Amino acid sequence: MNVVAFNGSPNKEGNTWHALKMVTAELEREGIETEIIQVGNKAVRGCIACYQCAKNKNEQCVLPGDEVNEWIQQMKQADGIILGSPVHYSAIGGTMKSFLDRAFFVTSVNDGMLRHKVGAAVVAVRRSGGLPTFDQLNNFLNYAEMLLPTSNYWNVIHGRTPGEVVQDLEGVQIMRVLGKNMAWLMKLVAHGKGAIPPPEREDKTLFSFIH
């Protein structure tokens, strides 16, 4: 089993990276391979709602010049996915948001590629805005019908300068418990495959409130 974690911070080894390392350390202790992919310092265009990914159904976004399609394939191959972001104005960092908008649109219109994979979100924040950002990340996981492990509090850890989050003892425990629960859930899913059939995927029902 393997997990791919996406670091939405512009700082390659800032507090978001430290938070992801806390979670992935527990996964690795359980024999699960992990990889952290740096997103936040890349140039990534936002989704332009051209719907070509829905038309082509080739698991790709048509926008060129970045690594989004490569990351989508890594998500497809992974058993678990972690989304990590710092807080920018009580929201996901812009580059991370652009990546997630495109990646989750592509995966959703290609037979729900992430459906029933295990997914988690973590947030590193200096002071406030952690919960709105955590909610925004979880929106992507919920939309994709992913399975979400929990911790003993919201997955938010606090720190200002890089590495300062290791002093947030409650936050460190939250990340550790999340990693343990994620590993456990992934093993349950793996053992259940072939024994318990998943529910059939339903086509999306769209309703317009304007008549």
Foldseek 3Di string as FASTA:
>chain_A
DEEEEEEQALDPQFPLVVLVCLLVVLLVVLVYHYYYHYFNNDDADADPPPCVLLVVLPLDDPDDDDCLSVVLVVLLPGLEYEYEAEADPLAGDPRSNRSLNVSLVNCVSNVLSNAAREYAYAYEYAPDSRVSHRVVVVVSCVVSNYHYFAFPDRRYFHDDGGPRSVVRVVNSRRSNRRSNRSSVVSVVVVVCVPPDDDDDDDDDDDDDPPD
